[in-house]
PDB file of all heavy atoms in Angstrom:
ATOM      1  N   PRO A   1      98.629  84.362  88.754  1.00  0.00           N
ATOM      2  CA  PRO A   1      99.353  83.131  89.098  1.00  0.00           C
ATOM      3  C   PRO A   1     100.777  83.124  88.547  1.00  0.00           C
ATOM      4  O   PRO A   1     101.691  82.579  89.176  1.00  0.00           O
ATOM      5  CB  PRO A   1      98.508  82.026  88.447  1.00  0.00           C
ATOM      6  CG  PRO A   1      97.144  82.606  88.333  1.00  0.00           C
ATOM      7  CD  PRO A   1      97.355  84.063  88.059  1.00  0.00           C
ATOM      8  N   GLN A   2     100.969  83.767  87.397  1.00  0.00           N
ATOM      9  CA  GLN A   2     102.312  83.855  86.809  1.00  0.00           C
ATOM     10  C   GLN A   2     103.235  84.732  87.651  1.00  0.00           C
ATOM     11  O   GLN A   2     104.426  84.443  87.795  1.00  0.00           O
ATOM     12  CB  GLN A   2     102.220  84.404  85.382  1.00  0.00           C
ATOM     13  CG  GLN A   2     101.496  83.510  84.401  1.00  0.00           C
ATOM     14  CD  GLN A   2     102.245  82.224  84.132  1.00  0.00           C
ATOM     15  OE1 GLN A   2     103.483  82.210  84.089  1.00  0.00           O
ATOM     16  NE2 GLN A   2     101.516  81.136  83.965  1.00  0.00           N
ATOM     17  N   ILE A   3     102.681  85.809  88.211  1.00  0.00           N
ATOM     18  CA  ILE A   3     103.471  86.685  89.082  1.00  0.00           C
ATOM     19  C   ILE A   3     103.970  85.906  90.295  1.00  0.00           C
ATOM     20  O   ILE A   3     105.140  86.027  90.701  1.00  0.00           O
ATOM     21  CB  ILE A   3     102.638  87.904  89.539  1.00  0.00           C
ATOM     22  CG1 ILE A   3     102.310  88.821  88.362  1.00  0.00           C
ATOM     23  CG2 ILE A   3     103.372  88.678  90.641  1.00  0.00           C
ATOM     24  CD1 ILE A   3     103.512  89.489  87.718  1.00  0.00           C
ATOM     25  N   TYR A   4     103.101  85.094  90.896  1.00  0.00           N
ATOM     26  CA  TYR A   4     103.527  84.273  92.034  1.00  0.00           C
ATOM     27  C   TYR A   4     104.710  83.382  91.644  1.00  0.00           C
ATOM     28  O   TYR A   4     105.627  83.163  92.439  1.00  0.00           O
ATOM     29  CB  TYR A   4     102.375  83.393  92.524  1.00  0.00           C
ATOM     30  CG  TYR A   4     101.421  84.072  93.476  1.00  0.00           C
ATOM     31  CD1 TYR A   4     100.168  84.491  93.048  1.00  0.00           C
ATOM     32  CD2 TYR A   4     101.762  84.284  94.809  1.00  0.00           C
ATOM     33  CE1 TYR A   4      99.270  85.101  93.918  1.00  0.00           C
ATOM     34  CE2 TYR A   4     100.886  84.888  95.689  1.00  0.00           C
ATOM     35  CZ  TYR A   4      99.633  85.304  95.243  1.00  0.00           C
ATOM     36  OH  TYR A   4      98.764  85.909  96.113  1.00  0.00           O
ATOM     37  N   ARG A   5     104.692  82.858  90.434  1.00  0.00           N
ATOM     38  CA  ARG A   5     105.734  81.932  90.003  1.00  0.00           C
ATOM     39  C   ARG A   5     107.091  82.604  89.793  1.00  0.00           C
ATOM     40  O   ARG A   5     108.105  81.914  89.677  1.00  0.00           O
ATOM     41  CB  ARG A   5     105.297  81.228  88.709  1.00  0.00           C
ATOM     42  CG  ARG A   5     104.134  80.272  88.916  1.00  0.00           C
ATOM     43  CD  ARG A   5     103.716  79.607  87.627  1.00  0.00           C
ATOM     44  NE  ARG A   5     102.610  78.675  87.838  1.00  0.00           N
ATOM     45  CZ  ARG A   5     102.086  77.911  86.889  1.00  0.00           C
ATOM     46  NH1 ARG A   5     102.556  77.972  85.648  1.00  0.00           N
ATOM     47  NH2 ARG A   5     101.092  77.099  87.173  1.00  0.00           N
ATOM     48  N   THR A   6     107.108  83.934  89.749  1.00  0.00           N
ATOM     49  CA  THR A   6     108.399  84.632  89.657  1.00  0.00           C
ATOM     50  C   THR A   6     109.092  84.725  91.009  1.00  0.00           C
ATOM     51  O   THR A   6     110.274  85.024  91.090  1.00  0.00           O
ATOM     52  CB  THR A   6     108.225  86.067  89.115  1.00  0.00           C
ATOM     53  OG1 THR A   6     107.508  86.861  90.074  1.00  0.00           O
ATOM     54  CG2 THR A   6     107.495  86.071  87.781  1.00  0.00           C
ATOM     55  N   GLY A   7     108.350  84.468  92.093  1.00  0.00           N
ATOM     56  CA  GLY A   7     108.886  84.662  93.442  1.00  0.00           C
ATOM     57  C   GLY A   7     109.788  83.536  93.904  1.00  0.00           C
ATOM     58  O   GLY A   7     109.630  82.379  93.502  1.00  0.00           O
ATOM     59  N   THR A   8     110.726  83.892  94.770  1.00  0.00           N
ATOM     60  CA  THR A   8     111.527  82.907  95.498  1.00  0.00           C
ATOM     61  C   THR A   8     110.850  82.601  96.830  1.00  0.00           C
ATOM     62  O   THR A   8     110.904  81.484  97.330  1.00  0.00           O
ATOM     63  CB  THR A   8     112.938  83.447  95.758  1.00  0.00           C
ATOM     64  OG1 THR A   8     113.515  83.870  94.524  1.00  0.00           O
ATOM     65  CG2 THR A   8     113.824  82.387  96.415  1.00  0.00           C
ATOM     66  N   MET A   9     110.217  83.622  97.390  1.00  0.00           N
ATOM     67  CA  MET A   9     109.514  83.505  98.659  1.00  0.00           C
ATOM     68  C   MET A   9     108.437  84.578  98.706  1.00  0.00           C
ATOM     69  O   MET A   9     108.440  85.512  97.900  1.00  0.00           O
ATOM     70  CB  MET A   9     110.476  83.667  99.837  1.00  0.00           C
ATOM     71  CG  MET A   9     111.166  85.028  99.873  1.00  0.00           C
ATOM     72  SD  MET A   9     112.019  85.349 101.432  1.00  0.00           S
ATOM     73  CE  MET A   9     110.622  85.462 102.552  1.00  0.00           C
ATOM     74  N   PHE A  10     107.518  84.442  99.664  1.00  0.00           N
ATOM     75  CA  PHE A  10     106.455  85.420  99.854  1.00  0.00           C
ATOM     76  C   PHE A  10     106.601  86.035 101.238  1.00  0.00           C
ATOM     77  O   PHE A  10     106.978  85.342 102.193  1.00  0.00           O
ATOM     78  CB  PHE A  10     105.091  84.746  99.741  1.00  0.00           C
ATOM     79  CG  PHE A  10     103.931  85.704  99.788  1.00  0.00           C
ATOM     80  CD1 PHE A  10     103.464  86.306  98.632  1.00  0.00           C
ATOM     81  CD2 PHE A  10     103.305  86.015 100.988  1.00  0.00           C
ATOM     82  CE1 PHE A  10     102.395  87.197  98.664  1.00  0.00           C
ATOM     83  CE2 PHE A  10     102.244  86.906 101.037  1.00  0.00           C
ATOM     84  CZ  PHE A  10     101.792  87.493  99.869  1.00  0.00           C
ATOM     85  N   ALA A  11     106.294  87.324 101.360  1.00  0.00           N
ATOM     86  CA  ALA A  11     106.425  87.988 102.659  1.00  0.00           C
ATOM     87  C   ALA A  11     105.285  88.974 102.883  1.00  0.00           C
ATOM     88  O   ALA A  11     104.841  89.659 101.959  1.00  0.00           O
ATOM     89  CB  ALA A  11     107.760  88.717 102.750  1.00  0.00           C
ATOM     90  N   THR A  12     104.817  89.023 104.119  1.00  0.00           N
ATOM     91  CA  THR A  12     103.823  89.998 104.527  1.00  0.00           C
ATOM     92  C   THR A  12     104.033  90.310 106.002  1.00  0.00           C
ATOM     93  O   THR A  12     104.464  89.443 106.761  1.00  0.00           O
ATOM     94  CB  THR A  12     102.387  89.491 104.297  1.00  0.00           C
ATOM     95  OG1 THR A  12     101.455  90.462 104.797  1.00  0.00           O
ATOM     96  CG2 THR A  12     102.142  88.171 105.016  1.00  0.00           C
ATOM     97  N   ALA A  13     103.715  91.553 106.391  1.00  0.00           N
ATOM     98  CA  ALA A  13     103.804  91.942 107.804  1.00  0.00           C
ATOM     99  C   ALA A  13     102.438  92.327 108.345  1.00  0.00           C
ATOM    100  O   ALA A  13     102.333  92.914 109.425  1.00  0.00           O
ATOM    101  CB  ALA A  13     104.788  93.102 107.965  1.00  0.00           C
ATOM    102  N   SER A  14     101.381  91.978 107.612  1.00  0.00           N
ATOM    103  CA  SER A  14     100.022  92.353 108.004  1.00  0.00           C
ATOM    104  C   SER A  14      99.630  91.721 109.336  1.00  0.00           C
ATOM    105  O   SER A  14      99.876  90.538 109.581  1.00  0.00           O
ATOM    106  CB  SER A  14      99.038  91.929 106.911  1.00  0.00           C
ATOM    107  OG  SER A  14      97.711  92.160 107.330  1.00  0.00           O
ATOM    108  N   LYS A  15      98.954  92.532 110.172  1.00  0.00           N
ATOM    109  CA  LYS A  15      98.501  92.071 111.488  1.00  0.00           C
ATOM    110  C   LYS A  15      96.986  91.919 111.547  1.00  0.00           C
ATOM    111  O   LYS A  15      96.426  91.702 112.621  1.00  0.00           O
ATOM    112  CB  LYS A  15      98.945  93.082 112.559  1.00  0.00           C
ATOM    113  CG  LYS A  15     100.451  93.248 112.674  1.00  0.00           C
ATOM    114  CD  LYS A  15     100.824  94.362 113.631  1.00  0.00           C
ATOM    115  CE  LYS A  15     100.561  95.724 113.015  1.00  0.00           C
ATOM    116  NZ  LYS A  15     101.061  96.839 113.863  1.00  0.00           N
ATOM    117  N   THR A  16      96.309  92.043 110.402  1.00  0.00           N
ATOM    118  CA  THR A  16      94.847  92.100 110.416  1.00  0.00           C
ATOM    119  C   THR A  16      94.208  91.050 109.512  1.00  0.00           C
ATOM    120  O   THR A  16      93.152  91.281 108.927  1.00  0.00           O
ATOM    121  CB  THR A  16      94.367  93.497 109.976  1.00  0.00           C
ATOM    122  OG1 THR A  16      94.838  93.760 108.645  1.00  0.00           O
ATOM    123  CG2 THR A  16      94.870  94.568 110.918  1.00  0.00           C
ATOM    124  N   GLU A  17      94.827  89.875 109.387  1.00  0.00           N
ATOM    125  CA  GLU A  17      94.286  88.845 108.498  1.00  0.00           C
ATOM    126  C   GLU A  17      93.416  87.846 109.263  1.00  0.00           C
ATOM    127  O   GLU A  17      93.828  87.320 110.297  1.00  0.00           O
ATOM    128  CB  GLU A  17      95.429  88.084 107.813  1.00  0.00           C
ATOM    129  CG  GLU A  17      96.380  88.966 107.006  1.00  0.00           C
ATOM    130  CD  GLU A  17      95.698  89.678 105.856  1.00  0.00           C
ATOM    131  OE1 GLU A  17      94.743  89.112 105.272  1.00  0.00           O
ATOM    132  OE2 GLU A  17      96.102  90.814 105.539  1.00  0.00           O
ATOM    133  N   THR A  18      92.212  87.581 108.735  1.00  0.00           N
ATOM    134  CA  THR A  18      91.396  86.510 109.287  1.00  0.00           C
ATOM    135  C   THR A  18      91.772  85.170 108.652  1.00  0.00           C
ATOM    136  O   THR A  18      91.345  84.118 109.108  1.00  0.00           O
ATOM    137  CB  THR A  18      89.900  86.760 109.058  1.00  0.00           C
ATOM    138  OG1 THR A  18      89.668  86.988 107.666  1.00  0.00           O
ATOM    139  CG2 THR A  18      89.427  87.959 109.870  1.00  0.00           C
ATOM    140  N   GLN A  19      92.553  85.210 107.604  1.00  0.00           N
ATOM    141  CA  GLN A  19      93.183  84.026 107.016  1.00  0.00           C
ATOM    142  C   GLN A  19      94.324  84.443 106.090  1.00  0.00           C
ATOM    143  O   GLN A  19      95.467  84.112 106.320  1.00  0.00           O
ATOM    144  CB  GLN A  19      92.185  83.151 106.247  1.00  0.00           C
ATOM    145  CG  GLN A  19      92.835  81.875 105.681  1.00  0.00           C
ATOM    146  CD  GLN A  19      91.833  80.944 105.047  1.00  0.00           C
ATOM    147  OE1 GLN A  19      90.978  81.357 104.268  1.00  0.00           O
ATOM    148  NE2 GLN A  19      91.943  79.656 105.362  1.00  0.00           N
ATOM    149  N   GLY A  20      94.014  85.188 105.058  1.00  0.00           N
ATOM    150  CA  GLY A  20      95.024  85.631 104.116  1.00  0.00           C
ATOM    151  C   GLY A  20      95.031  84.776 102.857  1.00  0.00           C
ATOM    152  O   GLY A  20      95.810  83.824 102.749  1.00  0.00           O
ATOM    153  N   ILE A  21      94.149  85.110 101.901  1.00  0.00           N
ATOM    154  CA  ILE A  21      94.082  84.343 100.664  1.00  0.00           C
ATOM    155  C   ILE A  21      95.407  84.380  99.926  1.00  0.00           C
ATOM    156  O   ILE A  21      95.829  83.392  99.313  1.00  0.00           O
ATOM    157  CB  ILE A  21      92.928  84.860  99.773  1.00  0.00           C
ATOM    158  CG1 ILE A  21      91.581  84.420 100.360  1.00  0.00           C
ATOM    159  CG2 ILE A  21      93.060  84.337  98.344  1.00  0.00           C
ATOM    160  CD1 ILE A  21      90.374  84.875  99.575  1.00  0.00           C
ATOM    161  N   VAL A  22      96.117  85.515 100.009  1.00  0.00           N
ATOM    162  CA  VAL A  22      97.401  85.604  99.305  1.00  0.00           C
ATOM    163  C   VAL A  22      98.419  84.610  99.860  1.00  0.00           C
ATOM    164  O   VAL A  22      99.262  84.094  99.119  1.00  0.00           O
ATOM    165  CB  VAL A  22      97.969  87.044  99.354  1.00  0.00           C
ATOM    166  CG1 VAL A  22      97.131  87.980  98.494  1.00  0.00           C
ATOM    167  CG2 VAL A  22      98.095  87.554 100.777  1.00  0.00           C
ATOM    168  N   LEU A  23      98.347  84.338 101.153  1.00  0.00           N
ATOM    169  CA  LEU A  23      99.240  83.330 101.744  1.00  0.00           C
ATOM    170  C   LEU A  23      98.919  81.941 101.187  1.00  0.00           C
ATOM    171  O   LEU A  23      99.823  81.150 100.893  1.00  0.00           O
ATOM    172  CB  LEU A  23      99.120  83.333 103.260  1.00  0.00           C
ATOM    173  CG  LEU A  23      99.779  84.509 103.984  1.00  0.00           C
ATOM    174  CD1 LEU A  23      99.288  84.598 105.426  1.00  0.00           C
ATOM    175  CD2 LEU A  23     101.302  84.395 103.957  1.00  0.00           C
ATOM    176  N   LEU A  24      97.638  81.649 101.040  1.00  0.00           N
ATOM    177  CA  LEU A  24      97.240  80.369 100.459  1.00  0.00           C
ATOM    178  C   LEU A  24      97.724  80.261  99.012  1.00  0.00           C
ATOM    179  O   LEU A  24      98.222  79.211  98.585  1.00  0.00           O
ATOM    180  CB  LEU A  24      95.717  80.213 100.515  1.00  0.00           C
ATOM    181  CG  LEU A  24      95.054  80.237 101.891  1.00  0.00           C
ATOM    182  CD1 LEU A  24      93.548  80.034 101.745  1.00  0.00           C
ATOM    183  CD2 LEU A  24      95.651  79.196 102.815  1.00  0.00           C
ATOM    184  N   GLU A  25      97.559  81.340  98.264  1.00  0.00           N
ATOM    185  CA  GLU A  25      97.998  81.334  96.867  1.00  0.00           C
ATOM    186  C   GLU A  25      99.510  81.163  96.762  1.00  0.00           C
ATOM    187  O   GLU A  25     100.010  80.433  95.885  1.00  0.00           O
ATOM    188  CB  GLU A  25      97.555  82.636  96.181  1.00  0.00           C
ATOM    189  CG  GLU A  25      96.044  82.737  96.016  1.00  0.00           C
ATOM    190  CD  GLU A  25      95.563  84.097  95.542  1.00  0.00           C
ATOM    191  OE1 GLU A  25      96.365  85.065  95.570  1.00  0.00           O
ATOM    192  OE2 GLU A  25      94.381  84.208  95.159  1.00  0.00           O
ATOM    193  N   ALA A  26     100.242  81.799  97.664  1.00  0.00           N
ATOM    194  CA  ALA A  26     101.705  81.667  97.670  1.00  0.00           C
ATOM    195  C   ALA A  26     102.117  80.234  98.007  1.00  0.00           C
ATOM    196  O   ALA A  26     103.000  79.657  97.351  1.00  0.00           O
ATOM    197  CB  ALA A  26     102.318  82.648  98.668  1.00  0.00           C
ATOM    198  N   MET A  27     101.496  79.653  99.027  1.00  0.00           N
ATOM    199  CA  MET A  27     101.809  78.271  99.404  1.00  0.00           C
ATOM    200  C   MET A  27     101.518  77.306  98.263  1.00  0.00           C
ATOM    201  O   MET A  27     102.292  76.383  97.991  1.00  0.00           O
ATOM    202  CB  MET A  27     101.002  77.878 100.639  1.00  0.00           C
ATOM    203  CG  MET A  27     101.495  78.500 101.934  1.00  0.00           C
ATOM    204  SD  MET A  27     100.297  78.263 103.284  1.00  0.00           S
ATOM    205  CE  MET A  27     100.149  76.471 103.331  1.00  0.00           C
ATOM    206  N   ALA A  28     100.391  77.532  97.567  1.00  0.00           N
ATOM    207  CA  ALA A  28     100.017  76.656  96.461  1.00  0.00           C
ATOM    208  C   ALA A  28     101.018  76.745  95.316  1.00  0.00           C
ATOM    209  O   ALA A  28     101.168  75.796  94.539  1.00  0.00           O
ATOM    210  CB  ALA A  28      98.625  77.025  95.964  1.00  0.00           C
ATOM    211  N   THR A  29     101.711  77.876  95.235  1.00  0.00           N
ATOM    212  CA  THR A  29     102.716  78.063  94.192  1.00  0.00           C
ATOM    213  C   THR A  29     104.078  77.550  94.648  1.00  0.00           C
ATOM    214  O   THR A  29     105.056  77.623  93.906  1.00  0.00           O
ATOM    215  CB  THR A  29     102.803  79.558  93.800  1.00  0.00           C
ATOM    216  OG1 THR A  29     101.484  80.107  93.702  1.00  0.00           O
ATOM    217  CG2 THR A  29     103.472  79.749  92.451  1.00  0.00           C
ATOM    218  N   GLY A  30     104.155  77.072  95.879  1.00  0.00           N
ATOM    219  CA  GLY A  30     105.398  76.506  96.385  1.00  0.00           C
ATOM    220  C   GLY A  30     106.346  77.509  97.005  1.00  0.00           C
ATOM    221  O   GLY A  30     107.539  77.241  97.143  1.00  0.00           O
ATOM    222  N   LEU A  31     105.817  78.664  97.418  1.00  0.00           N
ATOM    223  CA  LEU A  31     106.680  79.696  98.000  1.00  0.00           C
ATOM    224  C   LEU A  31     106.729  79.587  99.524  1.00  0.00           C
ATOM    225  O   LEU A  31     105.687  79.559 100.183  1.00  0.00           O
ATOM    226  CB  LEU A  31     106.173  81.095  97.628  1.00  0.00           C
ATOM    227  CG  LEU A  31     106.056  81.433  96.150  1.00  0.00           C
ATOM    228  CD1 LEU A  31     105.679  82.899  95.976  1.00  0.00           C
ATOM    229  CD2 LEU A  31     107.355  81.137  95.407  1.00  0.00           C
ATOM    230  N   PRO A  32     107.922  79.550 100.116  1.00  0.00           N
ATOM    231  CA  PRO A  32     108.042  79.702 101.571  1.00  0.00           C
ATOM    232  C   PRO A  32     107.507  81.081 101.966  1.00  0.00           C
ATOM    233  O   PRO A  32     107.623  82.038 101.184  1.00  0.00           O
ATOM    234  CB  PRO A  32     109.552  79.607 101.823  1.00  0.00           C
ATOM    235  CG  PRO A  32     110.118  78.982 100.594  1.00  0.00           C
ATOM    236  CD  PRO A  32     109.236  79.394  99.465  1.00  0.00           C
ATOM    237  N   CYS A  33     106.937  81.198 103.146  1.00  0.00           N
ATOM    238  CA  CYS A  33     106.297  82.453 103.554  1.00  0.00           C
ATOM    239  C   CYS A  33     106.914  83.007 104.838  1.00  0.00           C
ATOM    240  O   CYS A  33     107.212  82.257 105.767  1.00  0.00           O
ATOM    241  CB  CYS A  33     104.806  82.235 103.786  1.00  0.00           C
ATOM    242  SG  CYS A  33     103.892  81.698 102.331  1.00  0.00           S
ATOM    243  N   VAL A  34     107.069  84.321 104.888  1.00  0.00           N
ATOM    244  CA  VAL A  34     107.398  85.022 106.118  1.00  0.00           C
ATOM    245  C   VAL A  34     106.202  85.903 106.460  1.00  0.00           C
ATOM    246  O   VAL A  34     105.715  86.659 105.614  1.00  0.00           O
ATOM    247  CB  VAL A  34     108.670  85.876 105.968  1.00  0.00           C
ATOM    248  CG1 VAL A  34     108.820  86.829 107.156  1.00  0.00           C
ATOM    249  CG2 VAL A  34     109.902  84.985 105.860  1.00  0.00           C
ATOM    250  N   ALA A  35     105.702  85.760 107.675  1.00  0.00           N
ATOM    251  CA  ALA A  35     104.533  86.521 108.105  1.00  0.00           C
ATOM    252  C   ALA A  35     104.669  86.819 109.589  1.00  0.00           C
ATOM    253  O   ALA A  35     105.667  86.443 110.222  1.00  0.00           O
ATOM    254  CB  ALA A  35     103.260  85.731 107.817  1.00  0.00           C
ATOM    255  N   VAL A  36     103.679  87.495 110.163  1.00  0.00           N
ATOM    256  CA  VAL A  36     103.741  87.837 111.583  1.00  0.00           C
ATOM    257  C   VAL A  36     102.683  87.070 112.354  1.00  0.00           C
ATOM    258  O   VAL A  36     101.615  86.742 111.835  1.00  0.00           O
ATOM    259  CB  VAL A  36     103.576  89.356 111.815  1.00  0.00           C
ATOM    260  CG1 VAL A  36     104.701  90.122 111.135  1.00  0.00           C
ATOM    261  CG2 VAL A  36     102.226  89.859 111.329  1.00  0.00           C
ATOM    262  N   ASP A  37     102.995  86.769 113.604  1.00  0.00           N
ATOM    263  CA  ASP A  37     102.120  85.962 114.455  1.00  0.00           C
ATOM    264  C   ASP A  37     101.048  86.849 115.079  1.00  0.00           C
ATOM    265  O   ASP A  37     101.071  87.158 116.264  1.00  0.00           O
ATOM    266  CB  ASP A  37     102.954  85.272 115.530  1.00  0.00           C
ATOM    267  CG  ASP A  37     102.172  84.173 116.230  1.00  0.00           C
ATOM    268  OD1 ASP A  37     101.059  83.858 115.767  1.00  0.00           O
ATOM    269  OD2 ASP A  37     102.676  83.630 117.228  1.00  0.00           O
TER     270      ASP A  37
END
């Protein structure tokens, strides 16, 4: 959780997520996210 707090934003290019727990964790830490549709 401390590592997430060092971020300005979160980014992933994964195309194989059924949800993405890391995206949820990033959002909960207040990070804007860049991902793929």
